[in-house]
Amino acid sequence: MTVGKKGAMAGVRTSPRTGGKPRTQREAKGKGKGRLKREATEAQIVDAFHRLVQRDGLRNVRVNAVIKEAGVGKGLLYDYFGGLPGLVQAWGNKYQIWPDIGEMIGLSHDLTRTRMAQQIREIVLRHAESLRADPLRVELLADEFMSPTAISPALSNIRRELSQQHHALFADQPAMRNDDYRSLVLI
């Protein structure tokens, strides 16, 4: 931020009664009306994409359908997300399309007290349960591996984040030097 006349931050309205400080907390955080409107429009587009995926399936969602569902111009989708892959990334982050590490290991589970084979077994079983509970995850995996599309890299990025969390859990475990255990974790 730059400082202008009388120590006020450039681009932020101040009041003489507040000693040159921003008038509202929103202004202090740099979120003026324009920024809030953009965030609302981004959320509107992501939510429209989600509705279309739920209704029509991921493979059938196209940019024109998203903008029509969201009620916005095509330019905004490209300005805010760079295209469909960026929108998929934002959607995946908002709606947690892959299970987080807590869902995979169980929030109350202490991995340090369980044998490695048992830990891996429980994680694989929880992952299978999460797939059974959410057919969309199955569709995403199938599409990514069987017939990749332009949005597959965005889905892979989201899944890679989960993989990094898994790696952090097991990286320091001496038992992970065992090829069988490493192979199981890859599943």
C-alpha atoms as a PDB file:
ATOM      1  CA  MET A   1       0.000   0.000   0.000  1.00  0.00           C
ATOM      2  CA  THR A   2       1.148   3.505  -0.633  1.00  0.00           C
ATOM      3  CA  VAL A   3       0.775   6.396   1.704  1.00  0.00           C
ATOM      4  CA  GLY A   4      -0.742   9.556   0.363  1.00  0.00           C
ATOM      5  CA  LYS A   5      -1.743  12.889   1.823  1.00  0.00           C
ATOM      6  CA  LYS A   6      -1.599  13.171   5.607  1.00  0.00           C
ATOM      7  CA  GLY A   7      -0.479   9.533   6.007  1.00  0.00           C
ATOM      8  CA  ALA A   8      -3.634   7.989   4.536  1.00  0.00           C
ATOM      9  CA  MET A   9      -3.328   4.777   2.540  1.00  0.00           C
ATOM     10  CA  ALA A  10      -3.918   5.315  -1.168  1.00  0.00           C
ATOM     11  CA  GLY A  11      -7.191   3.874  -2.398  1.00  0.00           C
ATOM     12  CA  VAL A  12      -8.710   3.598   1.079  1.00  0.00           C
ATOM     13  CA  ARG A  13     -11.234   6.130   2.315  1.00  0.00           C
ATOM     14  CA  THR A  14     -10.355   7.592   5.678  1.00  0.00           C
ATOM     15  CA  SER A  15     -12.075   9.836   8.123  1.00  0.00           C
ATOM     16  CA  PRO A  16     -10.630  12.818   9.999  1.00  0.00           C
ATOM     17  CA  ARG A  17     -12.554  11.597  13.066  1.00  0.00           C
ATOM     18  CA  THR A  18     -10.619   8.320  13.090  1.00  0.00           C
ATOM     19  CA  GLY A  19      -7.215   9.923  12.752  1.00  0.00           C
ATOM     20  CA  GLY A  20      -6.754   8.886   9.136  1.00  0.00           C
ATOM     21  CA  LYS A  21      -7.603   5.217   9.754  1.00  0.00           C
ATOM     22  CA  PRO A  22      -9.890   3.286   7.391  1.00  0.00           C
ATOM     23  CA  ARG A  23     -13.600   3.808   8.116  1.00  0.00           C
ATOM     24  CA  THR A  24     -14.573   0.152   8.267  1.00  0.00           C
ATOM     25  CA  GLN A  25     -12.882  -3.179   8.951  1.00  0.00           C
ATOM     26  CA  ARG A  26     -13.668  -4.229   5.395  1.00  0.00           C
ATOM     27  CA  GLU A  27     -11.755  -1.240   4.050  1.00  0.00           C
ATOM     28  CA  ALA A  28      -8.864  -1.958   6.419  1.00  0.00           C
ATOM     29  CA  LYS A  29      -8.567  -5.450   4.964  1.00  0.00           C
ATOM     30  CA  GLY A  30      -8.545  -4.079   1.422  1.00  0.00           C
ATOM     31  CA  LYS A  31     -11.929  -5.537   0.542  1.00  0.00           C
ATOM     32  CA  GLY A  32     -13.894  -2.724  -0.968  1.00  0.00           C
ATOM     33  CA  LYS A  33     -17.196  -3.189  -2.719  1.00  0.00           C
ATOM     34  CA  GLY A  34     -15.517  -4.260  -5.961  1.00  0.00           C
ATOM     35  CA  ARG A  35     -13.555  -7.052  -4.283  1.00  0.00           C
ATOM     36  CA  LEU A  36     -16.617  -8.313  -2.427  1.00  0.00           C
ATOM     37  CA  LYS A  37     -18.626  -8.290  -5.652  1.00  0.00           C
ATOM     38  CA  ARG A  38     -15.907 -10.282  -7.413  1.00  0.00           C
ATOM     39  CA  GLU A  39     -15.828 -12.874  -4.619  1.00  0.00           C
ATOM     40  CA  ALA A  40     -19.604 -13.195  -4.787  1.00  0.00           C
ATOM     41  CA  THR A  41     -19.497 -13.620  -8.571  1.00  0.00           C
ATOM     42  CA  GLU A  42     -16.714 -16.219  -8.307  1.00  0.00           C
ATOM     43  CA  ALA A  43     -18.795 -18.150  -5.773  1.00  0.00           C
ATOM     44  CA  GLN A  44     -21.832 -17.856  -8.047  1.00  0.00           C
ATOM     45  CA  ILE A  45     -19.865 -19.371 -10.947  1.00  0.00           C
ATOM     46  CA  VAL A  46     -18.386 -22.181  -8.826  1.00  0.00           C
ATOM     47  CA  ASP A  47     -21.816 -23.012  -7.400  1.00  0.00           C
ATOM     48  CA  ALA A  48     -23.333 -23.043 -10.903  1.00  0.00           C
ATOM     49  CA  PHE A  49     -20.612 -25.444 -12.014  1.00  0.00           C
ATOM     50  CA  HIS A  50     -21.371 -27.665  -9.011  1.00  0.00           C
ATOM     51  CA  ARG A  51     -25.081 -27.760  -9.830  1.00  0.00           C
ATOM     52  CA  LEU A  52     -24.330 -28.728 -13.426  1.00  0.00           C
ATOM     53  CA  VAL A  53     -21.930 -31.478 -12.358  1.00  0.00           C
ATOM     54  CA  GLN A  54     -24.550 -32.848  -9.973  1.00  0.00           C
ATOM     55  CA  ARG A  55     -27.256 -32.721 -12.621  1.00  0.00           C
ATOM     56  CA  ASP A  56     -25.437 -33.597 -15.860  1.00  0.00           C
ATOM     57  CA  GLY A  57     -22.155 -35.236 -14.842  1.00  0.00           C
ATOM     58  CA  LEU A  58     -18.680 -33.787 -15.093  1.00  0.00           C
ATOM     59  CA  ARG A  59     -18.050 -34.824 -18.696  1.00  0.00           C
ATOM     60  CA  ASN A  60     -21.118 -32.950 -19.899  1.00  0.00           C
ATOM     61  CA  VAL A  61     -20.350 -29.558 -18.355  1.00  0.00           C
ATOM     62  CA  ARG A  62     -19.311 -26.885 -20.842  1.00  0.00           C
ATOM     63  CA  VAL A  63     -18.381 -23.234 -20.440  1.00  0.00           C
ATOM     64  CA  ASN A  64     -21.571 -21.965 -22.094  1.00  0.00           C
ATOM     65  CA  ALA A  65     -23.725 -24.057 -19.761  1.00  0.00           C
ATOM     66  CA  VAL A  66     -21.857 -22.701 -16.722  1.00  0.00           C
ATOM     67  CA  ILE A  67     -22.268 -19.061 -17.687  1.00  0.00           C
ATOM     68  CA  LYS A  68     -25.926 -19.591 -18.493  1.00  0.00           C
ATOM     69  CA  GLU A  69     -26.509 -21.330 -15.141  1.00  0.00           C
ATOM     70  CA  ALA A  70     -24.563 -18.635 -13.274  1.00  0.00           C
ATOM     71  CA  GLY A  71     -26.159 -15.769 -15.171  1.00  0.00           C
ATOM     72  CA  VAL A  72     -22.829 -14.087 -15.932  1.00  0.00           C
ATOM     73  CA  GLY A  73     -20.839 -13.244 -19.030  1.00  0.00           C
ATOM     74  CA  LYS A  74     -18.295 -15.647 -20.481  1.00  0.00           C
ATOM     75  CA  GLY A  75     -15.537 -13.088 -20.011  1.00  0.00           C
ATOM     76  CA  LEU A  76     -15.913 -13.229 -16.236  1.00  0.00           C
ATOM     77  CA  LEU A  77     -15.330 -16.976 -16.156  1.00  0.00           C
ATOM     78  CA  TYR A  78     -12.111 -16.545 -18.134  1.00  0.00           C
ATOM     79  CA  ASP A  79     -11.038 -13.432 -16.188  1.00  0.00           C
ATOM     80  CA  TYR A  80     -11.571 -15.042 -12.798  1.00  0.00           C
ATOM     81  CA  PHE A  81     -10.556 -18.653 -13.481  1.00  0.00           C
ATOM     82  CA  GLY A  82      -8.624 -18.650 -16.755  1.00  0.00           C
ATOM     83  CA  GLY A  83     -11.050 -21.164 -18.229  1.00  0.00           C
ATOM     84  CA  LEU A  84     -12.661 -24.457 -17.314  1.00  0.00           C
ATOM     85  CA  PRO A  85      -9.535 -26.058 -15.738  1.00  0.00           C
ATOM     86  CA  GLY A  86      -9.174 -23.149 -13.293  1.00  0.00           C
ATOM     87  CA  LEU A  87     -12.865 -23.345 -12.484  1.00  0.00           C
ATOM     88  CA  VAL A  88     -12.526 -27.077 -11.820  1.00  0.00           C
ATOM     89  CA  GLN A  89      -9.628 -26.359  -9.440  1.00  0.00           C
ATOM     90  CA  ALA A  90     -11.691 -23.773  -7.523  1.00  0.00           C
ATOM     91  CA  TRP A  91     -14.703 -26.116  -7.465  1.00  0.00           C
ATOM     92  CA  GLY A  92     -12.590 -29.015  -6.230  1.00  0.00           C
ATOM     93  CA  ASN A  93     -11.149 -26.935  -3.419  1.00  0.00           C
ATOM     94  CA  LYS A  94     -14.511 -25.542  -2.343  1.00  0.00           C
ATOM     95  CA  TYR A  95     -16.417 -28.818  -2.443  1.00  0.00           C
ATOM     96  CA  GLN A  96     -13.554 -31.070  -1.299  1.00  0.00           C
ATOM     97  CA  ILE A  97     -13.966 -33.574  -4.112  1.00  0.00           C
ATOM     98  CA  TRP A  98     -11.183 -35.738  -2.698  1.00  0.00           C
ATOM     99  CA  PRO A  99     -11.306 -36.904   0.905  1.00  0.00           C
ATOM    100  CA  ASP A 100      -9.010 -35.041   3.250  1.00  0.00           C
ATOM    101  CA  ILE A 101      -6.445 -36.845   5.369  1.00  0.00           C
ATOM    102  CA  GLY A 102      -8.716 -36.782   8.438  1.00  0.00           C
ATOM    103  CA  GLU A 103     -11.402 -38.632   6.511  1.00  0.00           C
ATOM    104  CA  MET A 104      -8.854 -41.175   5.324  1.00  0.00           C
ATOM    105  CA  ILE A 105      -7.268 -42.038   8.675  1.00  0.00           C
ATOM    106  CA  GLY A 106     -10.111 -41.170  11.033  1.00  0.00           C
ATOM    107  CA  LEU A 107      -9.812 -38.087  13.198  1.00  0.00           C
ATOM    108  CA  SER A 108      -9.303 -39.945  16.469  1.00  0.00           C
ATOM    109  CA  HIS A 109      -6.921 -42.568  15.094  1.00  0.00           C
ATOM    110  CA  ASP A 110      -3.376 -42.654  16.495  1.00  0.00           C
ATOM    111  CA  LEU A 111      -1.119 -43.950  13.743  1.00  0.00           C
ATOM    112  CA  THR A 112       1.893 -44.260  16.024  1.00  0.00           C
ATOM    113  CA  ARG A 113       0.289 -47.093  17.991  1.00  0.00           C
ATOM    114  CA  THR A 114      -0.829 -49.233  15.077  1.00  0.00           C
ATOM    115  CA  ARG A 115       1.250 -51.606  12.971  1.00  0.00           C
ATOM    116  CA  MET A 116       2.049 -50.310   9.494  1.00  0.00           C
ATOM    117  CA  ALA A 117       0.081 -53.037   7.705  1.00  0.00           C
ATOM    118  CA  GLN A 118      -2.976 -52.242   9.829  1.00  0.00           C
ATOM    119  CA  GLN A 119      -2.608 -48.496   9.204  1.00  0.00           C
ATOM    120  CA  ILE A 120      -2.500 -48.982   5.454  1.00  0.00           C
ATOM    121  CA  ARG A 121      -5.396 -51.426   5.565  1.00  0.00           C
ATOM    122  CA  GLU A 122      -7.575 -48.953   7.473  1.00  0.00           C
ATOM    123  CA  ILE A 123      -6.730 -46.101   5.127  1.00  0.00           C
ATOM    124  CA  VAL A 124      -7.524 -48.187   2.041  1.00  0.00           C
ATOM    125  CA  LEU A 125     -10.828 -49.304   3.587  1.00  0.00           C
ATOM    126  CA  ARG A 126     -11.780 -45.729   4.476  1.00  0.00           C
ATOM    127  CA  HIS A 127     -10.917 -44.599   0.970  1.00  0.00           C
ATOM    128  CA  ALA A 128     -13.127 -47.349  -0.465  1.00  0.00           C
ATOM    129  CA  GLU A 129     -15.933 -46.249   1.876  1.00  0.00           C
ATOM    130  CA  SER A 130     -15.561 -42.645   0.744  1.00  0.00           C
ATOM    131  CA  LEU A 131     -15.808 -43.756  -2.896  1.00  0.00           C
ATOM    132  CA  ARG A 132     -18.932 -45.812  -2.204  1.00  0.00           C
ATOM    133  CA  ALA A 133     -20.507 -42.869  -0.405  1.00  0.00           C
ATOM    134  CA  ASP A 134     -19.778 -40.392  -3.201  1.00  0.00           C
ATOM    135  CA  PRO A 135     -20.384 -41.588  -6.787  1.00  0.00           C
ATOM    136  CA  LEU A 136     -19.000 -38.290  -8.082  1.00  0.00           C
ATOM    137  CA  ARG A 137     -15.538 -39.242  -6.786  1.00  0.00           C
ATOM    138  CA  VAL A 138     -15.764 -42.506  -8.697  1.00  0.00           C
ATOM    139  CA  GLU A 139     -16.733 -40.619 -11.853  1.00  0.00           C
ATOM    140  CA  LEU A 140     -13.819 -38.217 -11.381  1.00  0.00           C
ATOM    141  CA  LEU A 141     -11.301 -41.021 -10.954  1.00  0.00           C
ATOM    142  CA  ALA A 142     -12.685 -42.968 -13.888  1.00  0.00           C
ATOM    143  CA  ASP A 143     -12.619 -39.932 -16.164  1.00  0.00           C
ATOM    144  CA  GLU A 144      -9.123 -38.960 -15.099  1.00  0.00           C
ATOM    145  CA  PHE A 145      -7.630 -42.392 -15.708  1.00  0.00           C
ATOM    146  CA  MET A 146      -9.751 -43.781 -18.537  1.00  0.00           C
ATOM    147  CA  SER A 147     -10.335 -40.799 -20.786  1.00  0.00           C
ATOM    148  CA  PRO A 148      -8.446 -37.676 -19.740  1.00  0.00           C
ATOM    149  CA  THR A 149      -9.865 -34.326 -20.802  1.00  0.00           C
ATOM    150  CA  ALA A 150      -8.721 -30.708 -20.589  1.00  0.00           C
ATOM    151  CA  ILE A 151      -9.806 -30.593 -16.947  1.00  0.00           C
ATOM    152  CA  SER A 152      -7.923 -33.747 -15.909  1.00  0.00           C
ATOM    153  CA  PRO A 153      -4.757 -31.832 -14.899  1.00  0.00           C
ATOM    154  CA  ALA A 154      -6.799 -29.677 -12.495  1.00  0.00           C
ATOM    155  CA  LEU A 155      -8.261 -32.808 -10.914  1.00  0.00           C
ATOM    156  CA  SER A 156      -4.784 -34.315 -10.681  1.00  0.00           C
ATOM    157  CA  ASN A 157      -3.500 -31.214  -8.882  1.00  0.00           C
ATOM    158  CA  ILE A 158      -6.204 -31.531  -6.254  1.00  0.00           C
ATOM    159  CA  ARG A 159      -5.489 -35.234  -5.817  1.00  0.00           C
ATOM    160  CA  ARG A 160      -1.738 -34.532  -5.621  1.00  0.00           C
ATOM    161  CA  GLU A 161      -2.345 -32.286  -2.593  1.00  0.00           C
ATOM    162  CA  LEU A 162      -3.934 -35.238  -0.801  1.00  0.00           C
ATOM    163  CA  SER A 163      -1.021 -37.422  -1.841  1.00  0.00           C
ATOM    164  CA  GLN A 164       1.405 -34.970  -0.247  1.00  0.00           C
ATOM    165  CA  GLN A 165      -0.534 -35.179   3.017  1.00  0.00           C
ATOM    166  CA  HIS A 166      -0.308 -38.988   2.871  1.00  0.00           C
ATOM    167  CA  HIS A 167       3.406 -38.783   2.213  1.00  0.00           C
ATOM    168  CA  ALA A 168       3.902 -36.561   5.248  1.00  0.00           C
ATOM    169  CA  LEU A 169       2.151 -39.169   7.394  1.00  0.00           C
ATOM    170  CA  PHE A 170       4.269 -42.084   6.286  1.00  0.00           C
ATOM    171  CA  ALA A 171       7.577 -40.605   5.106  1.00  0.00           C
ATOM    172  CA  ASP A 172       9.405 -41.032   8.407  1.00  0.00           C
ATOM    173  CA  GLN A 173       8.130 -44.543   9.089  1.00  0.00           C
ATOM    174  CA  PRO A 174      10.998 -47.087   8.821  1.00  0.00           C
ATOM    175  CA  ALA A 175       8.507 -49.764   7.778  1.00  0.00           C
ATOM    176  CA  MET A 176       7.835 -47.799   4.576  1.00  0.00           C
ATOM    177  CA  ARG A 177      11.136 -49.114   3.227  1.00  0.00           C
ATOM    178  CA  ASN A 178       9.245 -52.367   2.674  1.00  0.00           C
ATOM    179  CA  ASP A 179       8.206 -52.608  -0.989  1.00  0.00           C
ATOM    180  CA  ASP A 180       4.904 -54.276  -0.119  1.00  0.00           C
ATOM    181  CA  TYR A 181       3.865 -51.407   2.141  1.00  0.00           C
ATOM    182  CA  ARG A 182       4.899 -48.784  -0.411  1.00  0.00           C
ATOM    183  CA  SER A 183       2.888 -50.603  -3.069  1.00  0.00           C
ATOM    184  CA  LEU A 184      -0.173 -50.669  -0.846  1.00  0.00           C
ATOM    185  CA  VAL A 185       0.068 -46.943  -0.182  1.00  0.00           C
ATOM    186  CA  LEU A 186       0.131 -46.297  -3.936  1.00  0.00           C
ATOM    187  CA  ILE A 187      -3.254 -47.966  -4.233  1.00  0.00           C
END
